[in-house]
Each structure stands twice: as C-alpha cells, then as structure tokens.
C-alpha cells in the first residue's frame, strides 16, 4: 500500500534499491554510499511524517501492515492464553481476549483483531465486532475484576459490524452493556488506540482510566467519509472532514480526550512493526506500574473514572471561538 504523500521519497528508495543490488554483486563502493543514502532517507521520512495532514494520518492509521492485536499478544507478551466465547451465542474472532504476562506484570488483554491474510480479515470482518465479541469482552473483564488483574485494551476498528445479523442479536445493547461493565469495573483499565478508533465499536472497549494513542492513530465518533456524506453530501470532502473532526493524537491530547501519545518508529508502525510492538510493550509496563501503584481502588476508582468521562465535552462560553 503506497501513499501519495510518500512519492517525494521514491527517488531515494530507488537509488537505495539499485545500490543494494550492486552490493549483492560484490561492488565494494556500494556499501559506503548506502549508509549515507539511508541516513538521508530516514531524515526526510521523519520530516515528512512530522507534517502529515489529518487525512494523511487517517490513511496511515488504516495501513494493513500495522500490527494486529494478535501480533501484539504473541510478540509483546511473554505469555498469552487466549480465552474464547461469550457463553451466550458464539466466539467472535474480531475480539481477541486472554490472560497475558509481560515479565512479572500480569493483566487481561483485549483487542480488535483485523487479521493479516485475506481469509482471516474476512473471518474477522476487518476488526468490526459482532455483539458476541462485546459480550465476550464483558465476560473476560469481569474475570479480571474477580482475580484482581488490570485490563489492557487495544483499539483498532472502523466501527462495530453493521450487518443485519449483528443488529438482530442486539448490537447497540451489547455495546451499551460493555460501556456499563467498564464504567463499574473495580480494577484499572488501560486503553490504547493502536490504529483506527472508529465510533461506538471502538468506544465499546475503550472506557479506560488512562487512554493512550499511537502517534499516527486516529479516534473519532464517525469516519471522515461518513461525516462528509452527512455534512456535504459528498464523500470526496473526507479530507476537510478529517481536519474538522480533530481526530489525530495531538488534537485529542490537547482536547483532553486521551491522556498520552505512544511514539511510533520512523515511517510509522507499518514500516517497522516489531519496533512499534516494543514501544507499546514499554507503554503498557510503564503505565500499568504507575496505575497499580497510584490509582484509587474499589468504589473510588469507579468514581474517578466517572468524573474523567463526565468532564469531557463541557461547554465553556469563556473559551468559545467567536464566528
């Protein structure tokens, strides 16, 4: 998946590829030239990604090469035991959940699973969960509360699955109940938006005491295309909608919707998935250590969570922008 905004980097990449081919043929001058070109590419790539527009950030957040929840679970955790089923209807592969351990830190891990192969993506509905997935998440979060484990959720979905079968099985009720369960959970919750955080499907597992975003992730009540089709009756206005929605990590940190930003490697997470996973691992360890040591417990934790989300979106006429 190539981005239009990366086209200025292509001549450098072509030169590097040509020199790599020469190096493999035994050309002794190629290796020295490669080092300089790679350094130049890294510098120009960092500069390019530092000034992405909101719409370009949306494209990066949707890149199919970004790590999936299963890749995080398998490569980030020293131990992961997947748990299945909602004990009502089915096991939804679009929600991954299980008991995890990193070093001595134990927690419950939940995440939207988009899949890596075509077959897996279709089976997971590209990370768009059915009601069964949210009910599975509820069941596992209650287990975490029972065992005194913190909950970590990885958010990456365009939204909840909009199919007729999902609606027939109570999609709206399932998401609402998931929010209710998280609101009253008496154990710390850390939520990380790793890619595309879309609509109620994302919020259904994102009601965290601490909410983080990866540097090039997005988080919004509606997709830019959906917003454009409503406001302008024109999906081509998606870039304008993306800017108006304030969906980037920097904007949402400034607005107080998220509590921190997890840096991504040079060229974003899809360019170096292993490094991105390592950075998320560090963020989880650092934040869980602080939360377990300093967060209130029991009813006080629930009250603090209520205050956190109740404070969002309050209108202050003194800070209102005049037309």
C-alpha atoms as a PDB file:
ATOM      1  CA  UNK A   1       0.000   0.000   0.000  1.00  0.00           C
ATOM      2  CA  UNK A   2       1.730   3.175  -1.225  1.00  0.00           C
ATOM      3  CA  UNK A   3       0.807   6.686  -0.097  1.00  0.00           C
ATOM      4  CA  UNK A   4       0.737   9.647  -2.475  1.00  0.00           C
ATOM      5  CA  UNK A   5       2.396  11.820   0.145  1.00  0.00           C
ATOM      6  CA  UNK A   6       5.412   9.458   0.177  1.00  0.00           C
ATOM      7  CA  UNK A   7       6.149   9.964  -3.533  1.00  0.00           C
ATOM      8  CA  UNK A   8       8.939  12.516  -2.831  1.00  0.00           C
ATOM      9  CA  UNK A   9      10.833   9.697  -1.076  1.00  0.00           C
ATOM     10  CA  UNK A  10      10.642   7.309  -4.027  1.00  0.00           C
ATOM     11  CA  UNK A  11      13.772   8.537  -5.907  1.00  0.00           C
ATOM     12  CA  UNK A  12      15.854   7.942  -2.780  1.00  0.00           C
ATOM     13  CA  UNK A  13      14.355   4.489  -2.316  1.00  0.00           C
ATOM     14  CA  UNK A  14      15.096   3.641  -5.950  1.00  0.00           C
ATOM     15  CA  UNK A  15      18.737   4.674  -5.501  1.00  0.00           C
ATOM     16  CA  UNK A  16      18.992   2.545  -2.352  1.00  0.00           C
ATOM     17  CA  UNK A  17      17.498  -0.461  -4.142  1.00  0.00           C
ATOM     18  CA  UNK A  18      19.980  -0.050  -7.001  1.00  0.00           C
ATOM     19  CA  UNK A  19      22.914   0.159  -4.592  1.00  0.00           C
ATOM     20  CA  UNK A  20      21.690  -2.885  -2.664  1.00  0.00           C
ATOM     21  CA  UNK A  21      21.658  -4.831  -5.939  1.00  0.00           C
ATOM     22  CA  UNK A  22      25.241  -3.648  -6.681  1.00  0.00           C
ATOM     23  CA  UNK A  23      26.344  -4.618  -3.175  1.00  0.00           C
ATOM     24  CA  UNK A  24      24.995  -8.132  -3.646  1.00  0.00           C
ATOM     25  CA  UNK A  25      27.020  -8.391  -6.841  1.00  0.00           C
ATOM     26  CA  UNK A  26      30.162  -7.580  -4.881  1.00  0.00           C
ATOM     27  CA  UNK A  27      30.609  -3.889  -5.737  1.00  0.00           C
ATOM     28  CA  UNK A  28      32.851  -2.537  -2.892  1.00  0.00           C
ATOM     29  CA  UNK A  29      31.774   1.106  -3.384  1.00  0.00           C
ATOM     30  CA  UNK A  30      28.052   0.406  -2.895  1.00  0.00           C
ATOM     31  CA  UNK A  31      28.132  -0.216   0.855  1.00  0.00           C
ATOM     32  CA  UNK A  32      29.695   3.148   1.707  1.00  0.00           C
ATOM     33  CA  UNK A  33      27.175   5.033  -0.437  1.00  0.00           C
ATOM     34  CA  UNK A  34      24.269   3.074   1.087  1.00  0.00           C
ATOM     35  CA  UNK A  35      24.948   4.335   4.604  1.00  0.00           C
ATOM     36  CA  UNK A  36      24.657   7.964   3.536  1.00  0.00           C
ATOM     37  CA  UNK A  37      21.512   7.431   1.473  1.00  0.00           C
ATOM     38  CA  UNK A  38      19.794   5.502   4.260  1.00  0.00           C
ATOM     39  CA  UNK A  39      20.585   8.291   6.712  1.00  0.00           C
ATOM     40  CA  UNK A  40      19.187  10.842   4.251  1.00  0.00           C
ATOM     41  CA  UNK A  41      16.030   8.739   3.728  1.00  0.00           C
ATOM     42  CA  UNK A  42      15.485   8.465   7.490  1.00  0.00           C
ATOM     43  CA  UNK A  43      15.828  12.236   7.886  1.00  0.00           C
ATOM     44  CA  UNK A  44      13.461  13.073   5.030  1.00  0.00           C
ATOM     45  CA  UNK A  45      10.948  10.432   6.116  1.00  0.00           C
ATOM     46  CA  UNK A  46      10.890  11.824   9.685  1.00  0.00           C
ATOM     47  CA  UNK A  47      10.366  15.341   8.311  1.00  0.00           C
ATOM     48  CA  UNK A  48       7.553  14.145   6.036  1.00  0.00           C
ATOM     49  CA  UNK A  49       5.682  12.286   8.775  1.00  0.00           C
ATOM     50  CA  UNK A  50       6.050  15.214  11.177  1.00  0.00           C
ATOM     51  CA  UNK A  51       3.821  17.349   8.947  1.00  0.00           C
ATOM     52  CA  UNK A  52       1.114  14.892   7.891  1.00  0.00           C
ATOM     53  CA  UNK A  53      -2.366  16.310   7.388  1.00  0.00           C
ATOM     54  CA  UNK A  54      -5.252  14.742   9.352  1.00  0.00           C
ATOM     55  CA  UNK A  55      -6.437  12.928   6.194  1.00  0.00           C
ATOM     56  CA  UNK A  56      -2.970  11.539   5.556  1.00  0.00           C
ATOM     57  CA  UNK A  57      -2.875  10.388   9.168  1.00  0.00           C
ATOM     58  CA  UNK A  58      -6.155   8.525   8.596  1.00  0.00           C
ATOM     59  CA  UNK A  59      -4.537   6.686   5.680  1.00  0.00           C
ATOM     60  CA  UNK A  60      -1.541   5.723   7.837  1.00  0.00           C
ATOM     61  CA  UNK A  61      -3.815   4.536  10.672  1.00  0.00           C
ATOM     62  CA  UNK A  62      -5.634   2.245   8.217  1.00  0.00           C
ATOM     63  CA  UNK A  63      -2.493   0.718   6.696  1.00  0.00           C
ATOM     64  CA  UNK A  64      -2.916  -3.089   6.596  1.00  0.00           C
ATOM     65  CA  UNK A  65       0.719  -3.539   7.628  1.00  0.00           C
ATOM     66  CA  UNK A  66       0.211  -2.081  11.112  1.00  0.00           C
ATOM     67  CA  UNK A  67       0.476  -4.703  13.880  1.00  0.00           C
ATOM     68  CA  UNK A  68      -2.757  -6.510  14.753  1.00  0.00           C
ATOM     69  CA  UNK A  69      -3.992  -7.401  18.233  1.00  0.00           C
ATOM     70  CA  UNK A  70      -2.802 -10.991  17.793  1.00  0.00           C
ATOM     71  CA  UNK A  71       0.659  -9.832  16.741  1.00  0.00           C
ATOM     72  CA  UNK A  72       0.829  -7.618  19.820  1.00  0.00           C
ATOM     73  CA  UNK A  73      -0.273 -10.531  22.010  1.00  0.00           C
ATOM     74  CA  UNK A  74       2.199 -13.008  20.526  1.00  0.00           C
ATOM     75  CA  UNK A  75       5.259 -10.755  20.172  1.00  0.00           C
ATOM     76  CA  UNK A  76       4.778  -8.369  23.089  1.00  0.00           C
ATOM     77  CA  UNK A  77       3.762 -10.798  25.819  1.00  0.00           C
ATOM     78  CA  UNK A  78       5.961 -13.406  27.458  1.00  0.00           C
ATOM     79  CA  UNK A  79       2.828 -15.461  27.963  1.00  0.00           C
ATOM     80  CA  UNK A  80      -0.656 -15.219  26.453  1.00  0.00           C
ATOM     81  CA  UNK A  81      -3.537 -17.641  26.999  1.00  0.00           C
ATOM     82  CA  UNK A  82      -6.456 -16.879  24.709  1.00  0.00           C
ATOM     83  CA  UNK A  83      -9.979 -17.285  26.097  1.00  0.00           C
ATOM     84  CA  UNK A  84     -12.974 -17.883  23.851  1.00  0.00           C
ATOM     85  CA  UNK A  85     -16.737 -17.440  23.726  1.00  0.00           C
ATOM     86  CA  UNK A  86     -19.422 -15.176  25.174  1.00  0.00           C
ATOM     87  CA  UNK A  87     -21.302 -18.087  26.844  1.00  0.00           C
ATOM     88  CA  UNK A  88     -24.439 -16.872  25.064  1.00  0.00           C
ATOM     89  CA  UNK A  89     -24.125 -17.344  21.323  1.00  0.00           C
ATOM     90  CA  UNK A  90     -20.669 -17.641  19.765  1.00  0.00           C
ATOM     91  CA  UNK A  91     -16.970 -16.797  19.795  1.00  0.00           C
ATOM     92  CA  UNK A  92     -16.316 -13.664  17.749  1.00  0.00           C
ATOM     93  CA  UNK A  93     -12.806 -13.669  16.201  1.00  0.00           C
ATOM     94  CA  UNK A  94     -12.995  -9.885  15.761  1.00  0.00           C
ATOM     95  CA  UNK A  95     -12.360  -9.502  19.514  1.00  0.00           C
ATOM     96  CA  UNK A  96      -9.223 -11.153  20.847  1.00  0.00           C
ATOM     97  CA  UNK A  97      -9.041 -11.712  24.594  1.00  0.00           C
ATOM     98  CA  UNK A  98      -6.972 -13.605  27.084  1.00  0.00           C
ATOM     99  CA  UNK A  99      -4.665 -13.667  30.088  1.00  0.00           C
ATOM    100  CA  UNK A 100      -1.298 -12.031  29.439  1.00  0.00           C
ATOM    101  CA  UNK A 101       2.045 -11.603  31.157  1.00  0.00           C
ATOM    102  CA  UNK A 102       4.997  -9.321  30.425  1.00  0.00           C
ATOM    103  CA  UNK A 103       7.789 -10.086  32.857  1.00  0.00           C
ATOM    104  CA  UNK A 104       6.123 -10.100  36.271  1.00  0.00           C
ATOM    105  CA  UNK A 105       3.228  -7.910  35.144  1.00  0.00           C
ATOM    106  CA  UNK A 106       0.004  -9.857  34.640  1.00  0.00           C
ATOM    107  CA  UNK A 107      -3.136  -8.430  33.039  1.00  0.00           C
ATOM    108  CA  UNK A 108      -6.141  -9.200  30.867  1.00  0.00           C
ATOM    109  CA  UNK A 109      -5.572  -8.263  27.235  1.00  0.00           C
ATOM    110  CA  UNK A 110      -8.431  -7.392  24.861  1.00  0.00           C
ATOM    111  CA  UNK A 111      -8.204  -6.074  21.315  1.00  0.00           C
ATOM    112  CA  UNK A 112      -9.887  -5.680  17.965  1.00  0.00           C
ATOM    113  CA  UNK A 113      -8.407  -8.277  15.612  1.00  0.00           C
ATOM    114  CA  UNK A 114      -8.350  -7.179  11.949  1.00  0.00           C
ATOM    115  CA  UNK A 115      -6.386 -10.150  10.618  1.00  0.00           C
ATOM    116  CA  UNK A 116      -3.357 -10.383   8.330  1.00  0.00           C
ATOM    117  CA  UNK A 117      -4.390 -12.691   5.479  1.00  0.00           C
ATOM    118  CA  UNK A 118      -7.412 -12.152   3.242  1.00  0.00           C
ATOM    119  CA  UNK A 119      -9.177 -15.175   4.719  1.00  0.00           C
ATOM    120  CA  UNK A 120      -8.537 -14.025   8.286  1.00  0.00           C
ATOM    121  CA  UNK A 121      -9.663 -10.473   7.559  1.00  0.00           C
ATOM    122  CA  UNK A 122     -12.932 -11.745   6.123  1.00  0.00           C
ATOM    123  CA  UNK A 123     -13.470 -14.057   9.121  1.00  0.00           C
ATOM    124  CA  UNK A 124     -12.769 -11.151  11.499  1.00  0.00           C
ATOM    125  CA  UNK A 125     -14.843  -8.744   9.396  1.00  0.00           C
ATOM    126  CA  UNK A 126     -11.779  -6.458   9.302  1.00  0.00           C
ATOM    127  CA  UNK A 127     -11.969  -5.964  13.068  1.00  0.00           C
ATOM    128  CA  UNK A 128     -15.650  -4.993  13.189  1.00  0.00           C
ATOM    129  CA  UNK A 129     -17.112  -6.955  16.095  1.00  0.00           C
ATOM    130  CA  UNK A 130     -20.497  -8.614  16.422  1.00  0.00           C
ATOM    131  CA  UNK A 131     -22.451  -8.425  19.703  1.00  0.00           C
ATOM    132  CA  UNK A 132     -20.830 -11.767  20.642  1.00  0.00           C
ATOM    133  CA  UNK A 133     -17.441 -10.037  20.700  1.00  0.00           C
ATOM    134  CA  UNK A 134     -18.527  -7.334  23.143  1.00  0.00           C
ATOM    135  CA  UNK A 135     -20.250  -9.924  25.352  1.00  0.00           C
ATOM    136  CA  UNK A 136     -17.043 -11.965  25.345  1.00  0.00           C
ATOM    137  CA  UNK A 137     -15.137  -8.822  26.364  1.00  0.00           C
ATOM    138  CA  UNK A 138     -17.619  -8.217  29.214  1.00  0.00           C
ATOM    139  CA  UNK A 139     -17.187 -11.772  30.483  1.00  0.00           C
ATOM    140  CA  UNK A 140     -13.403 -11.549  30.443  1.00  0.00           C
ATOM    141  CA  UNK A 141     -13.312  -8.122  32.114  1.00  0.00           C
ATOM    142  CA  UNK A 142     -15.448  -9.457  34.954  1.00  0.00           C
ATOM    143  CA  UNK A 143     -12.965 -12.326  35.337  1.00  0.00           C
ATOM    144  CA  UNK A 144     -10.136  -9.782  35.535  1.00  0.00           C
ATOM    145  CA  UNK A 145     -12.003  -7.908  38.265  1.00  0.00           C
ATOM    146  CA  UNK A 146     -12.577 -11.159  40.174  1.00  0.00           C
ATOM    147  CA  UNK A 147      -8.873 -12.053  40.041  1.00  0.00           C
ATOM    148  CA  UNK A 148      -7.614  -8.516  40.702  1.00  0.00           C
ATOM    149  CA  UNK A 149      -5.985  -8.108  37.288  1.00  0.00           C
ATOM    150  CA  UNK A 150      -5.766  -4.800  35.391  1.00  0.00           C
ATOM    151  CA  UNK A 151      -7.313  -4.675  31.910  1.00  0.00           C
ATOM    152  CA  UNK A 152      -5.445  -3.550  28.781  1.00  0.00           C
ATOM    153  CA  UNK A 153      -7.426  -2.948  25.584  1.00  0.00           C
ATOM    154  CA  UNK A 154      -6.029  -2.382  22.080  1.00  0.00           C
ATOM    155  CA  UNK A 155      -8.459  -0.408  19.932  1.00  0.00           C
ATOM    156  CA  UNK A 156      -8.333  -0.733  16.140  1.00  0.00           C
ATOM    157  CA  UNK A 157     -11.635  -0.854  14.269  1.00  0.00           C
ATOM    158  CA  UNK A 158     -13.632   1.150  11.754  1.00  0.00           C
ATOM    159  CA  UNK A 159     -16.668   0.516  13.984  1.00  0.00           C
ATOM    160  CA  UNK A 160     -18.965  -2.242  15.157  1.00  0.00           C
ATOM    161  CA  UNK A 161     -20.197  -4.602  12.431  1.00  0.00           C
ATOM    162  CA  UNK A 162     -23.312  -3.068  10.788  1.00  0.00           C
ATOM    163  CA  UNK A 163     -24.801  -6.282   9.373  1.00  0.00           C
ATOM    164  CA  UNK A 164     -28.416  -7.400   9.790  1.00  0.00           C
ATOM    165  CA  UNK A 165     -27.419 -10.402  11.888  1.00  0.00           C
ATOM    166  CA  UNK A 166     -25.484  -8.179  14.299  1.00  0.00           C
ATOM    167  CA  UNK A 167     -28.440  -5.821  14.645  1.00  0.00           C
ATOM    168  CA  UNK A 168     -30.808  -8.752  15.175  1.00  0.00           C
ATOM    169  CA  UNK A 169     -28.649 -10.005  18.045  1.00  0.00           C
ATOM    170  CA  UNK A 170     -28.609  -6.604  19.757  1.00  0.00           C
ATOM    171  CA  UNK A 171     -25.532  -4.707  18.611  1.00  0.00           C
ATOM    172  CA  UNK A 172     -26.488  -1.439  20.291  1.00  0.00           C
ATOM    173  CA  UNK A 173     -27.418  -3.152  23.564  1.00  0.00           C
ATOM    174  CA  UNK A 174     -24.179  -5.140  23.570  1.00  0.00           C
ATOM    175  CA  UNK A 175     -22.030  -2.020  23.164  1.00  0.00           C
ATOM    176  CA  UNK A 176     -24.078  -0.148  25.773  1.00  0.00           C
ATOM    177  CA  UNK A 177     -23.694  -3.018  28.242  1.00  0.00           C
ATOM    178  CA  UNK A 178     -19.958  -3.158  27.572  1.00  0.00           C
ATOM    179  CA  UNK A 179     -19.721   0.523  28.466  1.00  0.00           C
ATOM    180  CA  UNK A 180     -21.732  -0.144  31.618  1.00  0.00           C
ATOM    181  CA  UNK A 181     -19.431  -3.006  32.616  1.00  0.00           C
ATOM    182  CA  UNK A 182     -16.303  -0.918  32.055  1.00  0.00           C
ATOM    183  CA  UNK A 183     -17.760   2.066  33.874  1.00  0.00           C
ATOM    184  CA  UNK A 184     -18.288  -0.024  37.008  1.00  0.00           C
ATOM    185  CA  UNK A 185     -15.194  -2.246  36.836  1.00  0.00           C
ATOM    186  CA  UNK A 186     -13.218  -2.110  40.085  1.00  0.00           C
ATOM    187  CA  UNK A 187      -9.850  -2.757  38.502  1.00  0.00           C
ATOM    188  CA  UNK A 188      -7.649  -0.344  36.486  1.00  0.00           C
ATOM    189  CA  UNK A 189      -8.238  -0.127  32.720  1.00  0.00           C
ATOM    190  CA  UNK A 190      -5.588   1.000  30.237  1.00  0.00           C
ATOM    191  CA  UNK A 191      -6.824   1.574  26.680  1.00  0.00           C
ATOM    192  CA  UNK A 192      -4.535   2.164  23.695  1.00  0.00           C
ATOM    193  CA  UNK A 193      -5.789   3.221  20.260  1.00  0.00           C
ATOM    194  CA  UNK A 194      -3.306   1.436  18.000  1.00  0.00           C
ATOM    195  CA  UNK A 195      -4.808   2.243  14.589  1.00  0.00           C
ATOM    196  CA  UNK A 196      -8.296   3.367  13.646  1.00  0.00           C
ATOM    197  CA  UNK A 197     -10.577   4.084  16.587  1.00  0.00           C
ATOM    198  CA  UNK A 198     -13.976   4.350  14.961  1.00  0.00           C
ATOM    199  CA  UNK A 199     -17.353   5.152  16.528  1.00  0.00           C
ATOM    200  CA  UNK A 200     -19.072   3.113  19.253  1.00  0.00           C
ATOM    201  CA  UNK A 201     -17.306  -0.005  18.053  1.00  0.00           C
ATOM    202  CA  UNK A 202     -14.058   1.476  19.340  1.00  0.00           C
ATOM    203  CA  UNK A 203     -15.508   3.049  22.474  1.00  0.00           C
ATOM    204  CA  UNK A 204     -17.044  -0.323  23.406  1.00  0.00           C
ATOM    205  CA  UNK A 205     -13.669  -1.445  24.765  1.00  0.00           C
ATOM    206  CA  UNK A 206     -12.018   1.965  25.295  1.00  0.00           C
ATOM    207  CA  UNK A 207     -13.576   3.325  28.501  1.00  0.00           C
ATOM    208  CA  UNK A 208     -10.206   3.365  30.250  1.00  0.00           C
ATOM    209  CA  UNK A 209      -8.903   5.112  33.348  1.00  0.00           C
ATOM    210  CA  UNK A 210      -5.994   6.032  31.121  1.00  0.00           C
ATOM    211  CA  UNK A 211      -6.388   6.270  27.325  1.00  0.00           C
ATOM    212  CA  UNK A 212      -3.344   6.430  25.054  1.00  0.00           C
ATOM    213  CA  UNK A 213      -2.975   6.739  21.283  1.00  0.00           C
ATOM    214  CA  UNK A 214      -0.206   5.721  18.955  1.00  0.00           C
ATOM    215  CA  UNK A 215       1.365   8.705  17.231  1.00  0.00           C
ATOM    216  CA  UNK A 216      -0.352   8.121  13.870  1.00  0.00           C
ATOM    217  CA  UNK A 217      -3.587   6.577  15.123  1.00  0.00           C
ATOM    218  CA  UNK A 218      -6.979   8.302  14.815  1.00  0.00           C
ATOM    219  CA  UNK A 219     -10.008   8.275  17.115  1.00  0.00           C
ATOM    220  CA  UNK A 220     -13.415   9.613  16.114  1.00  0.00           C
ATOM    221  CA  UNK A 221     -17.161   9.277  16.523  1.00  0.00           C
ATOM    222  CA  UNK A 222     -17.517   8.844  12.759  1.00  0.00           C
ATOM    223  CA  UNK A 223     -15.257   8.219   9.780  1.00  0.00           C
ATOM    224  CA  UNK A 224     -14.251  11.261   7.692  1.00  0.00           C
ATOM    225  CA  UNK A 225     -16.109   9.742   4.715  1.00  0.00           C
ATOM    226  CA  UNK A 226     -19.271   9.293   6.789  1.00  0.00           C
ATOM    227  CA  UNK A 227     -19.037  12.812   8.164  1.00  0.00           C
ATOM    228  CA  UNK A 228     -18.514  14.250   4.665  1.00  0.00           C
ATOM    229  CA  UNK A 229     -21.501  12.363   3.267  1.00  0.00           C
ATOM    230  CA  UNK A 230     -23.722  13.809   6.014  1.00  0.00           C
ATOM    231  CA  UNK A 231     -22.471  17.408   6.098  1.00  0.00           C
ATOM    232  CA  UNK A 232     -21.630  17.963   2.428  1.00  0.00           C
ATOM    233  CA  UNK A 233     -23.487  15.068   0.781  1.00  0.00           C
ATOM    234  CA  UNK A 234     -20.137  14.355  -0.833  1.00  0.00           C
ATOM    235  CA  UNK A 235     -17.674  11.661   0.273  1.00  0.00           C
ATOM    236  CA  UNK A 236     -14.915  13.427  -1.647  1.00  0.00           C
ATOM    237  CA  UNK A 237     -14.918  16.050   1.129  1.00  0.00           C
ATOM    238  CA  UNK A 238     -13.375  13.482   3.515  1.00  0.00           C
ATOM    239  CA  UNK A 239     -10.046  15.414   3.839  1.00  0.00           C
ATOM    240  CA  UNK A 240     -11.937  18.517   5.007  1.00  0.00           C
ATOM    241  CA  UNK A 241     -13.994  16.393   7.403  1.00  0.00           C
ATOM    242  CA  UNK A 242     -10.861  14.770   8.841  1.00  0.00           C
ATOM    243  CA  UNK A 243      -9.436  18.202   9.664  1.00  0.00           C
ATOM    244  CA  UNK A 244     -12.704  19.435  11.189  1.00  0.00           C
ATOM    245  CA  UNK A 245     -13.214  16.334  13.353  1.00  0.00           C
ATOM    246  CA  UNK A 246      -9.922  16.783  15.274  1.00  0.00           C
ATOM    247  CA  UNK A 247      -9.170  13.061  15.195  1.00  0.00           C
ATOM    248  CA  UNK A 248      -5.373  12.973  15.443  1.00  0.00           C
ATOM    249  CA  UNK A 249      -3.438  12.074  18.588  1.00  0.00           C
ATOM    250  CA  UNK A 250      -2.098  15.630  19.031  1.00  0.00           C
ATOM    251  CA  UNK A 251      -5.562  17.195  18.752  1.00  0.00           C
ATOM    252  CA  UNK A 252      -7.177  14.713  21.118  1.00  0.00           C
ATOM    253  CA  UNK A 253      -4.405  15.098  23.704  1.00  0.00           C
ATOM    254  CA  UNK A 254      -4.878  18.866  23.578  1.00  0.00           C
ATOM    255  CA  UNK A 255      -8.652  18.434  23.983  1.00  0.00           C
ATOM    256  CA  UNK A 256      -8.223  16.081  26.947  1.00  0.00           C
ATOM    257  CA  UNK A 257      -9.863  13.085  25.265  1.00  0.00           C
ATOM    258  CA  UNK A 258      -6.682  10.999  25.561  1.00  0.00           C
ATOM    259  CA  UNK A 259      -4.015  11.064  28.245  1.00  0.00           C
ATOM    260  CA  UNK A 260      -0.833  10.357  26.296  1.00  0.00           C
ATOM    261  CA  UNK A 261       0.784   9.539  22.960  1.00  0.00           C
ATOM    262  CA  UNK A 262       2.881   6.441  22.260  1.00  0.00           C
ATOM    263  CA  UNK A 263       5.616   7.250  19.710  1.00  0.00           C
ATOM    264  CA  UNK A 264       5.879   5.227  16.522  1.00  0.00           C
ATOM    265  CA  UNK A 265       9.083   4.209  14.735  1.00  0.00           C
ATOM    266  CA  UNK A 266      10.415   6.103  11.739  1.00  0.00           C
ATOM    267  CA  UNK A 267       7.931   5.802   8.866  1.00  0.00           C
ATOM    268  CA  UNK A 268       5.118   4.758  11.263  1.00  0.00           C
ATOM    269  CA  UNK A 269       4.171   1.355  12.696  1.00  0.00           C
ATOM    270  CA  UNK A 270       3.693  -0.366   9.329  1.00  0.00           C
ATOM    271  CA  UNK A 271       7.305   0.372   8.368  1.00  0.00           C
ATOM    272  CA  UNK A 272       8.727  -1.351  11.456  1.00  0.00           C
ATOM    273  CA  UNK A 273       6.066  -3.467  13.216  1.00  0.00           C
ATOM    274  CA  UNK A 274       8.499  -5.093  15.650  1.00  0.00           C
ATOM    275  CA  UNK A 275       9.715  -1.707  16.888  1.00  0.00           C
ATOM    276  CA  UNK A 276       6.131  -0.458  17.184  1.00  0.00           C
ATOM    277  CA  UNK A 277       5.211  -3.516  19.274  1.00  0.00           C
ATOM    278  CA  UNK A 278       8.233  -2.902  21.524  1.00  0.00           C
ATOM    279  CA  UNK A 279       7.138   0.708  22.085  1.00  0.00           C
ATOM    280  CA  UNK A 280       3.600  -0.390  23.002  1.00  0.00           C
ATOM    281  CA  UNK A 281       5.037  -3.029  25.361  1.00  0.00           C
ATOM    282  CA  UNK A 282       7.046  -0.319  27.139  1.00  0.00           C
ATOM    283  CA  UNK A 283       3.993   1.963  27.344  1.00  0.00           C
ATOM    284  CA  UNK A 284       1.935  -0.824  28.912  1.00  0.00           C
ATOM    285  CA  UNK A 285       4.589  -1.658  31.500  1.00  0.00           C
ATOM    286  CA  UNK A 286       5.210   1.987  32.416  1.00  0.00           C
ATOM    287  CA  UNK A 287       1.543   2.919  32.685  1.00  0.00           C
ATOM    288  CA  UNK A 288       0.394  -0.230  34.496  1.00  0.00           C
ATOM    289  CA  UNK A 289       3.182   0.151  37.055  1.00  0.00           C
ATOM    290  CA  UNK A 290       2.066   3.723  37.749  1.00  0.00           C
ATOM    291  CA  UNK A 291      -1.646   2.880  37.746  1.00  0.00           C
ATOM    292  CA  UNK A 292      -1.311  -0.125  40.061  1.00  0.00           C
ATOM    293  CA  UNK A 293       0.830   1.893  42.461  1.00  0.00           C
ATOM    294  CA  UNK A 294      -1.108   5.160  42.477  1.00  0.00           C
ATOM    295  CA  UNK A 295      -4.652   4.570  41.210  1.00  0.00           C
ATOM    296  CA  UNK A 296      -7.514   4.556  43.715  1.00  0.00           C
ATOM    297  CA  UNK A 297      -9.163   1.229  44.390  1.00  0.00           C
ATOM    298  CA  UNK A 298     -12.706  -0.127  44.554  1.00  0.00           C
ATOM    299  CA  UNK A 299     -15.509   2.431  44.578  1.00  0.00           C
ATOM    300  CA  UNK A 300     -13.046   5.339  44.480  1.00  0.00           C
ATOM    301  CA  UNK A 301     -11.625   4.044  41.206  1.00  0.00           C
ATOM    302  CA  UNK A 302     -15.120   3.883  39.711  1.00  0.00           C
ATOM    303  CA  UNK A 303     -15.877   7.426  40.915  1.00  0.00           C
ATOM    304  CA  UNK A 304     -12.666   8.774  39.370  1.00  0.00           C
ATOM    305  CA  UNK A 305     -13.476   7.070  36.068  1.00  0.00           C
ATOM    306  CA  UNK A 306     -16.967   8.585  36.135  1.00  0.00           C
ATOM    307  CA  UNK A 307     -15.542  12.055  36.759  1.00  0.00           C
ATOM    308  CA  UNK A 308     -12.984  11.641  33.966  1.00  0.00           C
ATOM    309  CA  UNK A 309     -15.553  10.914  31.261  1.00  0.00           C
ATOM    310  CA  UNK A 310     -18.225  13.243  32.658  1.00  0.00           C
ATOM    311  CA  UNK A 311     -15.828  16.175  32.318  1.00  0.00           C
ATOM    312  CA  UNK A 312     -15.432  15.663  28.562  1.00  0.00           C
ATOM    313  CA  UNK A 313     -17.364  17.871  26.179  1.00  0.00           C
ATOM    314  CA  UNK A 314     -18.430  20.529  28.676  1.00  0.00           C
ATOM    315  CA  UNK A 315     -19.085  23.873  27.004  1.00  0.00           C
ATOM    316  CA  UNK A 316     -17.265  26.883  28.449  1.00  0.00           C
ATOM    317  CA  UNK A 317     -18.670  30.116  26.967  1.00  0.00           C
ATOM    318  CA  UNK A 318     -15.499  31.992  28.015  1.00  0.00           C
ATOM    319  CA  UNK A 319     -13.420  29.762  25.742  1.00  0.00           C
ATOM    320  CA  UNK A 320     -15.870  29.689  22.853  1.00  0.00           C
ATOM    321  CA  UNK A 321     -14.490  30.720  19.488  1.00  0.00           C
ATOM    322  CA  UNK A 322     -16.314  33.740  18.065  1.00  0.00           C
ATOM    323  CA  UNK A 323     -17.535  33.467  14.483  1.00  0.00           C
END
